[in-house]
Amino acid sequence: FNLFAHKTVLDNVTLGPIKVRGLPKAQAREEGM
């Protein structure tokens, strides 16, 4: 699965959009959920 073991499920999903796509954190979390 290659998930980051030390990050929550939601953080795993939002990391890329925030870091790579530059999505605002709140929007990334909303889309992630």
PDB file of all heavy atoms in Angstrom:
ATOM      1  N   PHE A   1       0.813  -1.224   0.000  1.00  0.00           N
ATOM      2  CA  PHE A   1       0.000   0.000   0.000  1.00  0.00           C
ATOM      3  C   PHE A   1       0.845   1.271   0.000  1.00  0.00           C
ATOM      4  O   PHE A   1       0.405   2.334  -0.411  1.00  0.00           O
ATOM      5  CB  PHE A   1      -0.964  -0.029   1.199  1.00  0.00           C
ATOM      6  CG  PHE A   1      -1.510  -1.411   1.449  1.00  0.00           C
ATOM      7  CD1 PHE A   1      -1.346  -2.058   2.665  1.00  0.00           C
ATOM      8  CD2 PHE A   1      -2.154  -2.091   0.427  1.00  0.00           C
ATOM      9  CE1 PHE A   1      -1.818  -3.349   2.866  1.00  0.00           C
ATOM     10  CE2 PHE A   1      -2.636  -3.387   0.614  1.00  0.00           C
ATOM     11  CZ  PHE A   1      -2.464  -4.006   1.841  1.00  0.00           C
ATOM     12  N   ASN A   2       2.108   1.152   0.493  1.00  0.00           N
ATOM     13  CA  ASN A   2       3.035   2.294   0.455  1.00  0.00           C
ATOM     14  C   ASN A   2       2.481   3.555   1.107  1.00  0.00           C
ATOM     15  O   ASN A   2       2.757   4.656   0.646  1.00  0.00           O
ATOM     16  CB  ASN A   2       3.439   2.622  -1.004  1.00  0.00           C
ATOM     17  CG  ASN A   2       4.311   1.546  -1.611  1.00  0.00           C
ATOM     18  OD1 ASN A   2       4.506   0.500  -1.003  1.00  0.00           O
ATOM     19  ND2 ASN A   2       4.831   1.775  -2.788  1.00  0.00           N
ATOM     20  N   LEU A   3       1.679   3.395   2.145  1.00  0.00           N
ATOM     21  CA  LEU A   3       1.190   4.572   2.876  1.00  0.00           C
ATOM     22  C   LEU A   3       2.269   5.006   3.872  1.00  0.00           C
ATOM     23  O   LEU A   3       3.088   4.203   4.307  1.00  0.00           O
ATOM     24  CB  LEU A   3      -0.106   4.228   3.625  1.00  0.00           C
ATOM     25  CG  LEU A   3      -1.282   3.812   2.742  1.00  0.00           C
ATOM     26  CD1 LEU A   3      -2.434   3.271   3.590  1.00  0.00           C
ATOM     27  CD2 LEU A   3      -1.772   4.973   1.879  1.00  0.00           C
ATOM     28  N   PHE A   4       2.256   6.299   4.215  1.00  0.00           N
ATOM     29  CA  PHE A   4       3.188   6.780   5.241  1.00  0.00           C
ATOM     30  C   PHE A   4       2.686   6.315   6.601  1.00  0.00           C
ATOM     31  O   PHE A   4       1.634   6.750   7.063  1.00  0.00           O
ATOM     32  CB  PHE A   4       3.294   8.305   5.202  1.00  0.00           C
ATOM     33  CG  PHE A   4       3.906   8.822   3.931  1.00  0.00           C
ATOM     34  CD1 PHE A   4       3.154   9.560   3.029  1.00  0.00           C
ATOM     35  CD2 PHE A   4       5.241   8.560   3.635  1.00  0.00           C
ATOM     36  CE1 PHE A   4       3.727  10.029   1.842  1.00  0.00           C
ATOM     37  CE2 PHE A   4       5.813   9.027   2.452  1.00  0.00           C
ATOM     38  CZ  PHE A   4       5.052   9.761   1.563  1.00  0.00           C
ATOM     39  N   ALA A   5       3.472   5.454   7.244  1.00  0.00           N
ATOM     40  CA  ALA A   5       3.016   4.787   8.468  1.00  0.00           C
ATOM     41  C   ALA A   5       2.764   5.763   9.621  1.00  0.00           C
ATOM     42  O   ALA A   5       1.899   5.538  10.460  1.00  0.00           O
ATOM     43  CB  ALA A   5       4.047   3.744   8.893  1.00  0.00           C
ATOM     44  N   HIS A   6       3.521   6.871   9.645  1.00  0.00           N
ATOM     45  CA  HIS A   6       3.439   7.795  10.788  1.00  0.00           C
ATOM     46  C   HIS A   6       2.424   8.916  10.564  1.00  0.00           C
ATOM     47  O   HIS A   6       2.287   9.798  11.395  1.00  0.00           O
ATOM     48  CB  HIS A   6       4.822   8.387  11.058  1.00  0.00           C
ATOM     49  CG  HIS A   6       5.360   9.167   9.878  1.00  0.00           C
ATOM     50  ND1 HIS A   6       5.771   8.527   8.721  1.00  0.00           N
ATOM     51  CD2 HIS A   6       5.517  10.487   9.657  1.00  0.00           C
ATOM     52  CE1 HIS A   6       6.172   9.455   7.846  1.00  0.00           C
ATOM     53  NE2 HIS A   6       6.025  10.643   8.395  1.00  0.00           N
ATOM     54  N   LYS A   7       1.750   8.887   9.419  1.00  0.00           N
ATOM     55  CA  LYS A   7       0.735   9.924   9.145  1.00  0.00           C
ATOM     56  C   LYS A   7      -0.658   9.306   9.163  1.00  0.00           C
ATOM     57  O   LYS A   7      -0.832   8.156   8.784  1.00  0.00           O
ATOM     58  CB  LYS A   7       0.990  10.560   7.769  1.00  0.00           C
ATOM     59  CG  LYS A   7       2.266  11.393   7.718  1.00  0.00           C
ATOM     60  CD  LYS A   7       2.316  12.218   6.458  1.00  0.00           C
ATOM     61  CE  LYS A   7       3.569  13.086   6.410  1.00  0.00           C
ATOM     62  NZ  LYS A   7       3.615  14.069   7.494  1.00  0.00           N
ATOM     63  N   THR A   8      -1.643  10.118   9.558  1.00  0.00           N
ATOM     64  CA  THR A   8      -3.013   9.608   9.572  1.00  0.00           C
ATOM     65  C   THR A   8      -3.468   9.320   8.139  1.00  0.00           C
ATOM     66  O   THR A   8      -2.861   9.776   7.169  1.00  0.00           O
ATOM     67  CB  THR A   8      -4.000  10.623  10.179  1.00  0.00           C
ATOM     68  OG1 THR A   8      -4.064  11.773   9.307  1.00  0.00           O
ATOM     69  CG2 THR A   8      -3.582  11.047  11.578  1.00  0.00           C
ATOM     70  N   VAL A   9      -4.550   8.592   8.052  1.00  0.00           N
ATOM     71  CA  VAL A   9      -5.148   8.277   6.756  1.00  0.00           C
ATOM     72  C   VAL A   9      -5.434   9.560   5.972  1.00  0.00           C
ATOM     73  O   VAL A   9      -5.072   9.691   4.800  1.00  0.00           O
ATOM     74  CB  VAL A   9      -6.436   7.453   6.981  1.00  0.00           C
ATOM     75  CG1 VAL A   9      -7.333   7.464   5.759  1.00  0.00           C
ATOM     76  CG2 VAL A   9      -6.063   6.013   7.374  1.00  0.00           C
ATOM     77  N   LEU A  10      -6.055  10.544   6.626  1.00  0.00           N
ATOM     78  CA  LEU A  10      -6.391  11.792   5.925  1.00  0.00           C
ATOM     79  C   LEU A  10      -5.125  12.530   5.498  1.00  0.00           C
ATOM     80  O   LEU A  10      -5.057  13.059   4.384  1.00  0.00           O
ATOM     81  CB  LEU A  10      -7.272  12.690   6.809  1.00  0.00           C
ATOM     82  CG  LEU A  10      -7.748  13.995   6.139  1.00  0.00           C
ATOM     83  CD1 LEU A  10      -8.524  13.724   4.848  1.00  0.00           C
ATOM     84  CD2 LEU A  10      -8.614  14.812   7.102  1.00  0.00           C
ATOM     85  N   ASP A  11      -4.111  12.553   6.361  1.00  0.00           N
ATOM     86  CA  ASP A  11      -2.853  13.219   5.991  1.00  0.00           C
ATOM     87  C   ASP A  11      -2.189  12.530   4.800  1.00  0.00           C
ATOM     88  O   ASP A  11      -1.583  13.187   3.952  1.00  0.00           O
ATOM     89  CB  ASP A  11      -1.880  13.251   7.179  1.00  0.00           C
ATOM     90  CG  ASP A  11      -2.293  14.295   8.215  1.00  0.00           C
ATOM     91  OD1 ASP A  11      -3.095  15.176   7.874  1.00  0.00           O
ATOM     92  OD2 ASP A  11      -1.812  14.210   9.366  1.00  0.00           O
ATOM     93  N   ASN A  12      -2.288  11.213   4.739  1.00  0.00           N
ATOM     94  CA  ASN A  12      -1.755  10.478   3.586  1.00  0.00           C
ATOM     95  C   ASN A  12      -2.406  10.948   2.292  1.00  0.00           C
ATOM     96  O   ASN A  12      -1.751  11.084   1.267  1.00  0.00           O
ATOM     97  CB  ASN A  12      -1.998   8.970   3.748  1.00  0.00           C
ATOM     98  CG  ASN A  12      -0.812   8.235   4.345  1.00  0.00           C
ATOM     99  OD1 ASN A  12       0.169   7.965   3.664  1.00  0.00           O
ATOM    100  ND2 ASN A  12      -0.898   7.931   5.632  1.00  0.00           N
ATOM    101  N   VAL A  13      -3.701  11.200   2.359  1.00  0.00           N
ATOM    102  CA  VAL A  13      -4.459  11.574   1.157  1.00  0.00           C
ATOM    103  C   VAL A  13      -4.228  13.041   0.773  1.00  0.00           C
ATOM    104  O   VAL A  13      -4.217  13.386  -0.403  1.00  0.00           O
ATOM    105  CB  VAL A  13      -5.970  11.279   1.370  1.00  0.00           C
ATOM    106  CG1 VAL A  13      -6.810  11.811   0.225  1.00  0.00           C
ATOM    107  CG2 VAL A  13      -6.184   9.768   1.504  1.00  0.00           C
ATOM    108  N   THR A  14      -3.996  13.905   1.766  1.00  0.00           N
ATOM    109  CA  THR A  14      -3.891  15.344   1.477  1.00  0.00           C
ATOM    110  C   THR A  14      -2.464  15.809   1.193  1.00  0.00           C
ATOM    111  O   THR A  14      -2.266  16.900   0.657  1.00  0.00           O
ATOM    112  CB  THR A  14      -4.447  16.184   2.651  1.00  0.00           C
ATOM    113  OG1 THR A  14      -3.713  15.859   3.839  1.00  0.00           O
ATOM    114  CG2 THR A  14      -5.923  15.935   2.869  1.00  0.00           C
ATOM    115  N   LEU A  15      -1.481  15.000   1.525  1.00  0.00           N
ATOM    116  CA  LEU A  15      -0.087  15.431   1.400  1.00  0.00           C
ATOM    117  C   LEU A  15       0.270  15.863  -0.023  1.00  0.00           C
ATOM    118  O   LEU A  15       0.827  16.942  -0.242  1.00  0.00           O
ATOM    119  CB  LEU A  15       0.842  14.291   1.853  1.00  0.00           C
ATOM    120  CG  LEU A  15       2.310  14.660   2.031  1.00  0.00           C
ATOM    121  CD1 LEU A  15       2.477  15.620   3.194  1.00  0.00           C
ATOM    122  CD2 LEU A  15       3.160  13.411   2.268  1.00  0.00           C
ATOM    123  N   GLY A  16      -0.055  14.996  -1.009  1.00  0.00           N
ATOM    124  CA  GLY A  16       0.285  15.304  -2.403  1.00  0.00           C
ATOM    125  C   GLY A  16      -0.378  16.578  -2.916  1.00  0.00           C
ATOM    126  O   GLY A  16       0.302  17.465  -3.446  1.00  0.00           O
ATOM    127  N   PRO A  17      -1.710  16.697  -2.757  1.00  0.00           N
ATOM    128  CA  PRO A  17      -2.372  17.909  -3.246  1.00  0.00           C
ATOM    129  C   PRO A  17      -1.815  19.191  -2.624  1.00  0.00           C
ATOM    130  O   PRO A  17      -1.691  20.213  -3.304  1.00  0.00           O
ATOM    131  CB  PRO A  17      -3.837  17.696  -2.826  1.00  0.00           C
ATOM    132  CG  PRO A  17      -3.992  16.215  -2.791  1.00  0.00           C
ATOM    133  CD  PRO A  17      -2.671  15.675  -2.325  1.00  0.00           C
ATOM    134  N   ILE A  18      -1.447  19.132  -1.335  1.00  0.00           N
ATOM    135  CA  ILE A  18      -0.905  20.334  -0.680  1.00  0.00           C
ATOM    136  C   ILE A  18       0.509  20.628  -1.191  1.00  0.00           C
ATOM    137  O   ILE A  18       0.821  21.742  -1.606  1.00  0.00           O
ATOM    138  CB  ILE A  18      -0.904  20.167   0.866  1.00  0.00           C
ATOM    139  CG1 ILE A  18      -2.344  20.118   1.396  1.00  0.00           C
ATOM    140  CG2 ILE A  18      -0.135  21.297   1.538  1.00  0.00           C
ATOM    141  CD1 ILE A  18      -2.465  19.682   2.853  1.00  0.00           C
ATOM    142  N   LYS A  19       1.369  19.594  -1.189  1.00  0.00           N
ATOM    143  CA  LYS A  19       2.789  19.804  -1.515  1.00  0.00           C
ATOM    144  C   LYS A  19       3.033  19.969  -3.014  1.00  0.00           C
ATOM    145  O   LYS A  19       3.837  20.794  -3.431  1.00  0.00           O
ATOM    146  CB  LYS A  19       3.622  18.607  -1.020  1.00  0.00           C
ATOM    147  CG  LYS A  19       3.683  18.469   0.491  1.00  0.00           C
ATOM    148  CD  LYS A  19       4.975  19.064   1.015  1.00  0.00           C
ATOM    149  CE  LYS A  19       5.216  18.705   2.461  1.00  0.00           C
ATOM    150  NZ  LYS A  19       5.115  19.840   3.369  1.00  0.00           N
ATOM    151  N   VAL A  20       2.357  19.154  -3.816  1.00  0.00           N
ATOM    152  CA  VAL A  20       2.651  19.149  -5.253  1.00  0.00           C
ATOM    153  C   VAL A  20       1.721  20.072  -6.031  1.00  0.00           C
ATOM    154  O   VAL A  20       2.154  20.824  -6.898  1.00  0.00           O
ATOM    155  CB  VAL A  20       2.560  17.708  -5.826  1.00  0.00           C
ATOM    156  CG1 VAL A  20       2.883  17.691  -7.313  1.00  0.00           C
ATOM    157  CG2 VAL A  20       3.507  16.782  -5.072  1.00  0.00           C
ATOM    158  N   ARG A  21       0.432  20.026  -5.710  1.00  0.00           N
ATOM    159  CA  ARG A  21      -0.538  20.836  -6.454  1.00  0.00           C
ATOM    160  C   ARG A  21      -0.758  22.213  -5.825  1.00  0.00           C
ATOM    161  O   ARG A  21      -1.432  23.058  -6.400  1.00  0.00           O
ATOM    162  CB  ARG A  21      -1.892  20.105  -6.522  1.00  0.00           C
ATOM    163  CG  ARG A  21      -1.857  18.777  -7.286  1.00  0.00           C
ATOM    164  CD  ARG A  21      -2.246  18.966  -8.718  1.00  0.00           C
ATOM    165  NE  ARG A  21      -2.526  17.719  -9.413  1.00  0.00           N
ATOM    166  CZ  ARG A  21      -2.019  17.420 -10.607  1.00  0.00           C
ATOM    167  NH1 ARG A  21      -1.179  18.249 -11.189  1.00  0.00           N
ATOM    168  NH2 ARG A  21      -2.339  16.297 -11.210  1.00  0.00           N
ATOM    169  N   GLY A  22      -0.214  22.411  -4.597  1.00  0.00           N
ATOM    170  CA  GLY A  22      -0.352  23.721  -3.948  1.00  0.00           C
ATOM    171  C   GLY A  22      -1.755  24.036  -3.467  1.00  0.00           C
ATOM    172  O   GLY A  22      -2.160  25.198  -3.356  1.00  0.00           O
ATOM    173  N   LEU A  23      -2.517  23.006  -3.156  1.00  0.00           N
ATOM    174  CA  LEU A  23      -3.896  23.198  -2.696  1.00  0.00           C
ATOM    175  C   LEU A  23      -3.902  23.722  -1.255  1.00  0.00           C
ATOM    176  O   LEU A  23      -3.114  23.255  -0.435  1.00  0.00           O
ATOM    177  CB  LEU A  23      -4.616  21.845  -2.743  1.00  0.00           C
ATOM    178  CG  LEU A  23      -6.096  21.817  -3.130  1.00  0.00           C
ATOM    179  CD1 LEU A  23      -6.321  22.389  -4.512  1.00  0.00           C
ATOM    180  CD2 LEU A  23      -6.627  20.386  -3.052  1.00  0.00           C
ATOM    181  N   PRO A  24      -4.773  24.686  -0.935  1.00  0.00           N
ATOM    182  CA  PRO A  24      -4.881  25.133   0.453  1.00  0.00           C
ATOM    183  C   PRO A  24      -5.282  23.953   1.345  1.00  0.00           C
ATOM    184  O   PRO A  24      -6.050  23.086   0.927  1.00  0.00           O
ATOM    185  CB  PRO A  24      -6.002  26.181   0.423  1.00  0.00           C
ATOM    186  CG  PRO A  24      -6.137  26.581  -1.008  1.00  0.00           C
ATOM    187  CD  PRO A  24      -5.700  25.410  -1.828  1.00  0.00           C
ATOM    188  N   LYS A  25      -4.759  23.946   2.575  1.00  0.00           N
ATOM    189  CA  LYS A  25      -4.934  22.797   3.459  1.00  0.00           C
ATOM    190  C   LYS A  25      -6.414  22.473   3.696  1.00  0.00           C
ATOM    191  O   LYS A  25      -6.834  21.319   3.642  1.00  0.00           O
ATOM    192  CB  LYS A  25      -4.239  23.062   4.793  1.00  0.00           C
ATOM    193  CG  LYS A  25      -4.119  21.819   5.646  1.00  0.00           C
ATOM    194  CD  LYS A  25      -3.223  22.019   6.846  1.00  0.00           C
ATOM    195  CE  LYS A  25      -3.150  20.734   7.660  1.00  0.00           C
ATOM    196  NZ  LYS A  25      -2.368  20.885   8.883  1.00  0.00           N
ATOM    197  N   ALA A  26      -7.221  23.518   3.928  1.00  0.00           N
ATOM    198  CA  ALA A  26      -8.641  23.282   4.222  1.00  0.00           C
ATOM    199  C   ALA A  26      -9.339  22.621   3.041  1.00  0.00           C
ATOM    200  O   ALA A  26     -10.133  21.688   3.206  1.00  0.00           O
ATOM    201  CB  ALA A  26      -9.335  24.598   4.578  1.00  0.00           C
ATOM    202  N   GLN A  27      -9.020  23.093   1.853  1.00  0.00           N
ATOM    203  CA  GLN A  27      -9.635  22.522   0.647  1.00  0.00           C
ATOM    204  C   GLN A  27      -9.169  21.075   0.445  1.00  0.00           C
ATOM    205  O   GLN A  27      -9.964  20.193   0.097  1.00  0.00           O
ATOM    206  CB  GLN A  27      -9.273  23.361  -0.579  1.00  0.00           C
ATOM    207  CG  GLN A  27     -10.021  22.933  -1.852  1.00  0.00           C
ATOM    208  CD  GLN A  27      -9.575  23.724  -3.069  1.00  0.00           C
ATOM    209  OE1 GLN A  27      -8.944  24.773  -2.956  1.00  0.00           O
ATOM    210  NE2 GLN A  27      -9.901  23.203  -4.256  1.00  0.00           N
ATOM    211  N   ALA A  28      -7.867  20.852   0.679  1.00  0.00           N
ATOM    212  CA  ALA A  28      -7.317  19.500   0.522  1.00  0.00           C
ATOM    213  C   ALA A  28      -7.999  18.531   1.490  1.00  0.00           C
ATOM    214  O   ALA A  28      -8.320  17.395   1.130  1.00  0.00           O
ATOM    215  CB  ALA A  28      -5.808  19.514   0.758  1.00  0.00           C
ATOM    216  N   ARG A  29      -8.245  18.989   2.718  1.00  0.00           N
ATOM    217  CA  ARG A  29      -8.884  18.118   3.715  1.00  0.00           C
ATOM    218  C   ARG A  29     -10.337  17.829   3.329  1.00  0.00           C
ATOM    219  O   ARG A  29     -10.819  16.703   3.459  1.00  0.00           O
ATOM    220  CB  ARG A  29      -8.799  18.739   5.110  1.00  0.00           C
ATOM    221  CG  ARG A  29      -7.385  18.726   5.669  1.00  0.00           C
ATOM    222  CD  ARG A  29      -7.297  19.379   7.033  1.00  0.00           C
ATOM    223  NE  ARG A  29      -7.839  18.525   8.082  1.00  0.00           N
ATOM    224  CZ  ARG A  29      -7.170  17.549   8.678  1.00  0.00           C
ATOM    225  NH1 ARG A  29      -5.920  17.292   8.326  1.00  0.00           N
ATOM    226  NH2 ARG A  29      -7.726  16.830   9.632  1.00  0.00           N
ATOM    227  N   GLU A  30     -11.004  18.853   2.839  1.00  0.00           N
ATOM    228  CA  GLU A  30     -12.401  18.675   2.424  1.00  0.00           C
ATOM    229  C   GLU A  30     -12.496  17.672   1.264  1.00  0.00           C
ATOM    230  O   GLU A  30     -13.305  16.741   1.278  1.00  0.00           O
ATOM    231  CB  GLU A  30     -12.978  20.032   1.993  1.00  0.00           C
ATOM    232  CG  GLU A  30     -14.471  20.016   1.727  1.00  0.00           C
ATOM    233  CD  GLU A  30     -14.986  21.396   1.298  1.00  0.00           C
ATOM    234  OE1 GLU A  30     -14.496  22.414   1.827  1.00  0.00           O
ATOM    235  OE2 GLU A  30     -15.867  21.436   0.421  1.00  0.00           O
ATOM    236  N   GLU A  31     -11.623  17.864   0.264  1.00  0.00           N
ATOM    237  CA  GLU A  31     -11.625  16.945  -0.876  1.00  0.00           C
ATOM    238  C   GLU A  31     -11.168  15.547  -0.448  1.00  0.00           C
ATOM    239  O   GLU A  31     -11.672  14.536  -0.950  1.00  0.00           O
ATOM    240  CB  GLU A  31     -10.708  17.490  -1.986  1.00  0.00           C
ATOM    241  CG  GLU A  31     -11.286  18.738  -2.649  1.00  0.00           C
ATOM    242  CD  GLU A  31     -10.407  19.267  -3.780  1.00  0.00           C
ATOM    243  OE1 GLU A  31      -9.431  18.585  -4.170  1.00  0.00           O
ATOM    244  OE2 GLU A  31     -10.708  20.375  -4.276  1.00  0.00           O
ATOM    245  N   GLY A  32     -10.200  15.507   0.479  1.00  0.00           N
ATOM    246  CA  GLY A  32      -9.697  14.229   0.977  1.00  0.00           C
ATOM    247  C   GLY A  32     -10.784  13.434   1.674  1.00  0.00           C
ATOM    248  O   GLY A  32     -10.921  12.219   1.463  1.00  0.00           O
ATOM    249  N   MET A  33     -11.578  14.116   2.506  1.00  0.00           N
ATOM    250  CA  MET A  33     -12.678  13.436   3.198  1.00  0.00           C
ATOM    251  C   MET A  33     -13.709  12.906   2.198  1.00  0.00           C
ATOM    252  O   MET A  33     -14.234  11.800   2.352  1.00  0.00           O
ATOM    253  CB  MET A  33     -13.356  14.369   4.206  1.00  0.00           C
ATOM    254  CG  MET A  33     -12.606  14.546   5.514  1.00  0.00           C
ATOM    255  SD  MET A  33     -12.195  13.001   6.380  1.00  0.00           S
ATOM    256  CE  MET A  33     -13.838  12.397   6.817  1.00  0.00           C
TER     257      MET A  33
END
